[in-house]
Amino acid sequence: MEENSSPQEFEKRVDLSEFQAQMQEVNNQIAKFIVGQRKAVELLQVALIADGHVLIEGVPGIAKTQLAKLLARSLDLDFSRVQFTPDLMPSDILGTSVYNPKNGDFEFKAGPVFSNVILVDEINRAPAKTQAALFELMEERQVTIDGKSYPMAEPYLILATQNPVEQEGTYRLPEAQLDRFIFKISMDYPSANEEFDILKLHRDLSGDALTEVKPVLSAAQISDLRSTARKVHVEDSLLQYISNIVAATRNTGSLYLGASPRASIALLNAGRALAALHDKDFVSPDDIRFLAPSVLAHRVILSPEREMEGLSSLEVIDQIVRSVEVPGS
């Protein structure tokens, strides 16, 4: 039976050689200017293949924006950047209808979100009205203005950065918006050795060094990579494993709000992309365990009791993942 087939048999089903070569080239471009942050770089590549938006969090100066720009530069796609501020209005990012005196009619002037890769810098500095303007865009890849819908070109990827909510002048993102990010990536300070390598890198830079980053993937190639990742095999037992983990977030006293079905789908899609990135054409429990914190932690809300105890959502998700039985164990 197929359900009992071994991973060795599955390895022959999908040719991942081209996938590996192309994604390695993306990694090479990013590595020209990013030292360390291996997990963040890997998750960004997974999100690209899994067709998901990414929220990158970290203190100022830790290369959040730089990482997002490097990924965008490695793709042969249209790119735009929006700096979120407290006075930013929805029309500033979506666009607006402008009166044209020549023909006596209104014409739609597209905003910066009409691109393939959007860098939303410091997303948590804008108020709720502007945050809500992104809901339809992130989920349906379109915006509706004056009763008319405008679809986005594919692929479409939002890379948002934010400072921790404790920083002055920031707003907490709505739960409905957080749920639309496939990952929340937390970037930490580099180690002492990594900081030394960063200093060496910047000492030796000359001119506009970012021009050395070359686009290596076109829209058509990204579409092919995504099609390849969708061929990665997922056992029914792995689907049940994902379901059990997500269901456990809804049935624990540690969480006031559990993860949504969208989170289950995100885990599935990300699992396939990660497996392909690791040159496997089957998803393993290890893939799901690795991805679960980045997929789930930003989608849940701690119970008041756990919050008072100083627990984080990441710690609760880790406890849940360790408590759910692993397939085949």
Protein backbone atom coordinates (compact mmCIF):
# COMPACT_ATOMS: atom_id res chain seq x y z
CA MET A 1 0.00 0.00 0.00
CA GLU A 2 1.16 3.56 -0.71
CA GLU A 3 0.60 4.59 2.91
CA ASN A 4 3.29 2.10 4.03
CA SER A 5 5.79 2.99 1.32
CA SER A 6 9.22 4.05 2.51
CA PRO A 7 10.80 7.50 2.03
CA GLN A 8 13.44 5.84 -0.16
CA GLU A 9 10.75 4.96 -2.71
CA PHE A 10 9.32 8.48 -2.61
CA GLU A 11 12.70 10.04 -3.41
CA LYS A 12 12.39 8.97 -7.04
CA ARG A 13 8.99 10.55 -7.59
CA VAL A 14 9.97 14.22 -7.87
CA ASP A 15 13.14 15.59 -9.45
CA LEU A 16 14.31 18.35 -7.12
CA SER A 17 17.69 19.03 -8.75
CA GLU A 18 16.54 22.18 -10.56
CA PHE A 19 14.64 23.32 -7.47
CA GLN A 20 17.78 22.94 -5.38
CA ALA A 21 20.00 24.77 -7.86
CA GLN A 22 17.67 27.76 -8.16
CA MET A 23 17.03 28.15 -4.44
CA GLN A 24 20.74 27.82 -3.70
CA GLU A 25 21.37 30.73 -6.05
CA VAL A 26 18.83 32.84 -4.13
CA ASN A 27 20.61 31.88 -0.92
CA ASN A 28 23.97 32.86 -2.43
CA GLN A 29 22.69 36.33 -3.30
CA ILE A 30 21.35 36.93 0.21
CA ALA A 31 24.53 35.58 1.82
CA LYS A 32 26.56 38.35 0.14
CA PHE A 33 25.36 40.81 2.78
CA ILE A 34 23.64 38.87 5.56
CA VAL A 35 25.86 37.25 8.21
CA GLY A 36 24.22 34.52 10.28
CA GLN A 37 20.39 34.66 10.61
CA ARG A 38 20.25 31.26 8.88
CA LYS A 39 16.79 30.38 10.20
CA ALA A 40 15.34 33.72 9.09
CA VAL A 41 16.81 33.32 5.60
CA GLU A 42 15.49 29.77 5.32
CA LEU A 43 11.99 30.73 6.45
CA LEU A 44 11.89 33.58 3.92
CA GLN A 45 12.69 31.11 1.15
CA VAL A 46 10.04 28.72 2.42
CA ALA A 47 7.47 31.55 2.46
CA LEU A 48 8.32 32.46 -1.14
CA ILE A 49 7.68 28.89 -2.27
CA ALA A 50 4.62 28.44 -0.06
CA ASP A 51 3.08 31.71 -1.33
CA GLY A 52 2.82 33.34 2.09
CA HIS A 53 3.43 36.79 3.53
CA VAL A 54 6.04 37.24 6.27
CA LEU A 55 6.25 39.40 9.39
CA ILE A 56 9.81 40.06 10.57
CA GLU A 57 10.24 41.34 14.11
CA GLY A 58 13.35 42.62 15.85
CA VAL A 59 14.89 45.62 17.52
CA PRO A 60 16.09 48.49 15.29
CA GLY A 61 19.37 48.00 13.47
CA ILE A 62 19.28 44.21 13.27
CA ALA A 63 18.95 44.07 9.44
CA LYS A 64 15.23 43.31 9.16
CA THR A 65 14.77 45.71 6.25
CA GLN A 66 18.09 44.68 4.70
CA LEU A 67 17.07 41.03 4.66
CA ALA A 68 13.73 41.79 3.03
CA LYS A 69 15.40 44.00 0.40
CA LEU A 70 17.98 41.34 -0.39
CA LEU A 71 15.30 38.72 -1.02
CA ALA A 72 13.43 41.18 -3.25
CA ARG A 73 16.61 42.02 -5.19
CA SER A 74 17.27 38.34 -5.83
CA LEU A 75 13.91 38.09 -7.63
CA ASP A 76 13.32 39.47 -11.12
CA LEU A 77 10.06 41.09 -10.03
CA ASP A 78 8.61 44.55 -9.47
CA PHE A 79 9.42 45.84 -6.00
CA SER A 80 8.06 48.70 -3.91
CA ARG A 81 8.60 49.90 -0.37
CA VAL A 82 6.14 51.61 1.97
CA GLN A 83 7.20 53.27 5.21
CA PHE A 84 4.32 53.01 7.67
CA THR A 85 3.78 56.05 9.90
CA PRO A 86 1.00 57.15 12.29
CA ASP A 87 -0.43 59.59 9.72
CA LEU A 88 -0.49 57.11 6.79
CA MET A 89 -3.94 56.77 5.22
CA PRO A 90 -5.34 53.74 3.33
CA SER A 91 -5.40 55.70 0.05
CA ASP A 92 -1.66 56.37 0.46
CA ILE A 93 -0.92 52.69 0.00
CA LEU A 94 -3.84 51.37 -2.06
CA GLY A 95 -4.33 54.27 -4.45
CA THR A 96 -7.20 56.61 -5.17
CA SER A 97 -9.44 57.92 -7.94
CA VAL A 98 -8.17 61.18 -9.43
CA TYR A 99 -10.22 63.53 -11.57
CA ASN A 100 -8.89 63.92 -15.12
CA PRO A 101 -10.06 67.28 -16.54
CA LYS A 102 -9.16 66.19 -20.10
CA ASN A 103 -11.89 63.58 -20.32
CA GLY A 104 -14.01 64.82 -17.43
CA ASP A 105 -13.84 61.51 -15.61
CA PHE A 106 -12.14 59.92 -12.62
CA GLU A 107 -9.15 57.66 -13.16
CA PHE A 108 -7.68 55.25 -10.68
CA LYS A 109 -4.11 56.01 -9.65
CA ALA A 110 -2.55 52.85 -8.25
CA GLY A 111 -0.68 52.98 -4.95
CA PRO A 112 2.62 51.30 -4.05
CA VAL A 113 0.96 47.98 -3.19
CA PHE A 114 0.55 47.34 -6.92
CA SER A 115 3.81 45.47 -7.30
CA ASN A 116 5.04 41.88 -6.89
CA VAL A 117 7.12 42.23 -3.73
CA ILE A 118 6.08 44.84 -1.15
CA LEU A 119 8.31 45.81 1.74
CA VAL A 120 6.12 47.30 4.47
CA ASP A 121 8.60 48.88 6.85
CA GLU A 122 7.61 49.24 10.52
CA ILE A 123 4.10 47.99 9.87
CA ASN A 124 3.09 48.42 13.52
CA ARG A 125 3.57 52.20 13.41
CA ALA A 126 0.34 52.74 11.43
CA PRO A 127 -3.09 52.92 13.12
CA ALA A 128 -5.95 50.40 12.77
CA LYS A 129 -7.57 52.09 9.76
CA THR A 130 -4.47 51.64 7.63
CA GLN A 131 -3.85 48.12 8.94
CA ALA A 132 -7.38 47.11 7.93
CA ALA A 133 -6.69 48.30 4.37
CA LEU A 134 -4.31 45.35 4.00
CA PHE A 135 -6.80 42.61 4.95
CA GLU A 136 -8.34 42.02 1.51
CA LEU A 137 -5.00 42.56 -0.18
CA MET A 138 -3.19 39.92 1.87
CA GLU A 139 -5.87 37.25 1.66
CA GLU A 140 -7.43 37.72 -1.79
CA ARG A 141 -4.56 39.46 -3.61
CA GLN A 142 -6.85 42.27 -4.70
CA VAL A 143 -8.15 45.62 -3.53
CA THR A 144 -11.65 47.02 -3.95
CA ILE A 145 -11.92 50.78 -4.43
CA ASP A 146 -15.11 52.65 -5.34
CA GLY A 147 -16.86 49.33 -5.95
CA LYS A 148 -14.27 48.02 -8.41
CA SER A 149 -11.81 45.22 -7.71
CA TYR A 150 -8.19 45.40 -8.86
CA PRO A 151 -6.30 42.07 -8.82
CA MET A 152 -2.58 41.91 -8.06
CA ALA A 153 -0.04 40.39 -10.40
CA GLU A 154 1.41 37.02 -9.40
CA PRO A 155 3.54 36.24 -7.55
CA TYR A 156 2.53 38.58 -4.74
CA LEU A 157 4.52 38.77 -1.51
CA ILE A 158 4.33 41.18 1.43
CA LEU A 159 7.41 41.37 3.63
CA ALA A 160 6.58 43.41 6.72
CA THR A 161 8.96 44.49 9.46
CA GLN A 162 8.04 45.62 12.93
CA ASN A 163 9.65 46.70 16.15
CA PRO A 164 8.63 44.91 19.35
CA VAL A 165 5.35 46.26 20.71
CA GLU A 166 7.16 47.58 23.79
CA GLN A 167 8.85 50.21 21.62
CA GLU A 168 7.38 53.71 21.85
CA GLY A 169 4.94 54.75 19.13
CA THR A 170 3.86 51.29 17.99
CA TYR A 171 0.44 49.63 17.70
CA ARG A 172 -0.45 45.98 18.18
CA LEU A 173 -1.48 44.37 14.89
CA PRO A 174 -5.06 43.07 14.73
CA GLU A 175 -5.48 39.29 15.12
CA ALA A 176 -7.15 39.09 11.69
CA GLN A 177 -4.06 40.60 10.11
CA LEU A 178 -1.57 38.49 12.05
CA ASP A 179 -3.43 35.39 10.88
CA ARG A 180 -2.69 36.37 7.29
CA PHE A 181 1.08 36.06 7.75
CA ILE A 182 2.39 32.55 7.15
CA PHE A 183 5.35 33.23 9.47
CA LYS A 184 6.44 35.61 12.13
CA ILE A 185 10.24 35.61 12.10
CA SER A 186 12.03 36.93 15.16
CA MET A 187 15.55 38.16 14.48
CA ASP A 188 17.99 38.17 17.40
CA TYR A 189 21.27 39.98 17.99
CA PRO A 190 24.27 38.36 16.27
CA SER A 191 26.89 36.48 18.24
CA ALA A 192 30.25 38.13 18.92
CA ASN A 193 31.86 36.19 16.06
CA GLU A 194 29.04 37.11 13.69
CA GLU A 195 29.31 40.76 14.68
CA PHE A 196 33.04 40.62 13.88
CA ASP A 197 32.20 39.19 10.43
CA ILE A 198 29.61 41.95 9.92
CA LEU A 199 32.23 44.59 10.67
CA LYS A 200 34.70 42.98 8.26
CA LEU A 201 32.03 42.86 5.55
CA HIS A 202 31.18 46.56 5.93
CA ARG A 203 34.82 47.58 6.17
CA ASP A 204 35.49 46.03 2.78
CA LEU A 205 32.35 47.29 1.02
CA SER A 206 32.81 49.88 -1.70
CA GLY A 207 30.21 52.09 -3.41
CA ASP A 208 26.66 50.82 -3.78
CA ALA A 209 27.46 47.24 -2.87
CA LEU A 210 23.81 46.14 -3.10
CA THR A 211 24.09 46.37 -6.89
CA GLU A 212 26.15 43.17 -6.65
CA VAL A 213 22.95 41.30 -5.78
CA LYS A 214 21.54 39.95 -9.01
CA PRO A 215 17.98 38.82 -9.75
CA VAL A 216 18.03 35.05 -10.25
CA LEU A 217 14.35 34.05 -10.29
CA SER A 218 11.64 35.24 -12.66
CA ALA A 219 7.88 35.07 -12.06
CA ALA A 220 7.63 32.01 -14.31
CA GLN A 221 10.45 30.25 -12.45
CA ILE A 222 8.81 30.96 -9.08
CA SER A 223 5.57 29.49 -10.42
CA ASP A 224 7.46 26.36 -11.49
CA LEU A 225 9.13 26.07 -8.08
CA ARG A 226 5.76 26.28 -6.37
CA SER A 227 4.36 23.59 -8.67
CA THR A 228 7.31 21.36 -7.80
CA ALA A 229 6.77 21.87 -4.06
CA ARG A 230 3.10 20.91 -4.41
CA LYS A 231 4.24 17.47 -5.64
CA VAL A 232 5.97 16.74 -2.34
CA HIS A 233 4.27 13.76 -0.72
CA VAL A 234 2.33 14.20 2.53
CA GLU A 235 1.13 11.10 4.37
CA ASP A 236 -2.34 11.07 5.88
CA SER A 237 -0.64 10.54 9.25
CA LEU A 238 1.16 13.88 8.77
CA LEU A 239 -2.14 15.61 8.00
CA GLN A 240 -3.51 14.16 11.23
CA TYR A 241 -0.40 15.32 13.07
CA ILE A 242 -0.91 18.89 11.84
CA SER A 243 -4.60 18.72 12.77
CA ASN A 244 -3.79 17.47 16.27
CA ILE A 245 -1.25 20.22 16.92
CA VAL A 246 -3.59 22.99 15.76
CA ALA A 247 -6.56 21.49 17.61
CA ALA A 248 -4.47 21.38 20.79
CA THR A 249 -4.03 25.17 20.65
CA ARG A 250 -7.82 25.47 20.92
CA ASN A 251 -8.14 23.07 23.84
CA THR A 252 -5.59 24.32 26.33
CA GLY A 253 -6.15 26.59 29.28
CA SER A 254 -2.87 28.32 28.45
CA LEU A 255 -4.36 30.06 25.42
CA TYR A 256 -7.32 32.43 25.21
CA LEU A 257 -7.34 32.20 21.39
CA GLY A 258 -6.19 29.15 19.45
CA ALA A 259 -4.97 28.85 15.87
CA SER A 260 -7.32 28.95 12.88
CA PRO A 261 -7.77 26.45 10.00
CA ARG A 262 -5.70 28.91 7.98
CA ALA A 263 -2.82 27.98 10.29
CA SER A 264 -3.26 24.28 9.44
CA ILE A 265 -3.08 25.05 5.73
CA ALA A 266 -0.02 27.24 6.32
CA LEU A 267 1.73 24.37 8.12
CA LEU A 268 0.93 22.02 5.25
CA ASN A 269 2.14 24.38 2.52
CA ALA A 270 5.23 25.41 4.47
CA GLY A 271 6.02 21.78 5.23
CA ARG A 272 6.07 20.92 1.54
CA ALA A 273 8.26 23.92 0.71
CA LEU A 274 10.70 23.15 3.53
CA ALA A 275 10.97 19.51 2.52
CA ALA A 276 11.76 20.50 -1.07
CA LEU A 277 14.29 23.04 0.18
CA HIS A 278 15.99 20.17 2.08
CA ASP A 279 16.00 17.98 -1.05
CA LYS A 280 13.22 15.71 0.19
CA ASP A 281 9.99 14.96 -1.65
CA PHE A 282 8.14 13.86 1.48
CA VAL A 283 7.18 15.87 4.57
CA SER A 284 8.41 14.51 7.89
CA PRO A 285 7.29 15.20 11.48
CA ASP A 286 10.60 17.03 11.98
CA ASP A 287 9.58 19.53 9.28
CA ILE A 288 6.31 20.24 11.09
CA ARG A 289 7.99 20.55 14.50
CA PHE A 290 10.53 23.00 13.08
CA LEU A 291 7.86 25.16 11.44
CA ALA A 292 5.14 25.09 14.10
CA PRO A 293 6.49 27.92 16.32
CA SER A 294 6.94 30.32 13.39
CA VAL A 295 3.51 29.46 11.96
CA LEU A 296 1.48 29.35 15.17
CA ALA A 297 2.94 31.60 17.87
CA HIS A 298 1.77 34.90 16.35
CA ARG A 299 -1.76 33.56 15.73
CA VAL A 300 -2.60 32.68 19.33
CA ILE A 301 -3.31 34.78 22.43
CA LEU A 302 -2.14 33.78 25.89
CA SER A 303 -4.62 33.38 28.69
CA PRO A 304 -4.37 36.15 31.32
CA GLU A 305 -3.04 33.64 33.87
CA ARG A 306 -0.16 32.49 31.65
CA GLU A 307 0.60 36.07 30.67
CA MET A 308 0.89 37.04 34.34
CA GLU A 309 3.24 34.10 34.86
CA GLY A 310 5.55 35.54 32.21
CA LEU A 311 5.10 32.74 29.68
CA SER A 312 5.42 33.55 25.98
CA SER A 313 3.29 32.18 23.16
CA LEU A 314 6.41 30.51 21.76
CA GLU A 315 6.88 28.58 25.00
CA VAL A 316 3.25 27.45 25.00
CA ILE A 317 3.45 26.31 21.37
CA ASP A 318 6.65 24.41 22.20
CA GLN A 319 4.86 22.67 25.08
CA ILE A 320 1.95 21.77 22.80
CA VAL A 321 4.17 20.38 20.04
CA ARG A 322 6.08 18.24 22.56
CA SER A 323 2.80 16.92 24.00
CA VAL A 324 1.27 15.77 20.69
CA GLU A 325 2.10 12.20 19.68
CA VAL A 326 4.44 11.97 16.70
CA PRO A 327 3.32 9.68 13.84
CA GLY A 328 5.14 6.36 13.88
CA SER A 329 6.50 6.80 17.39
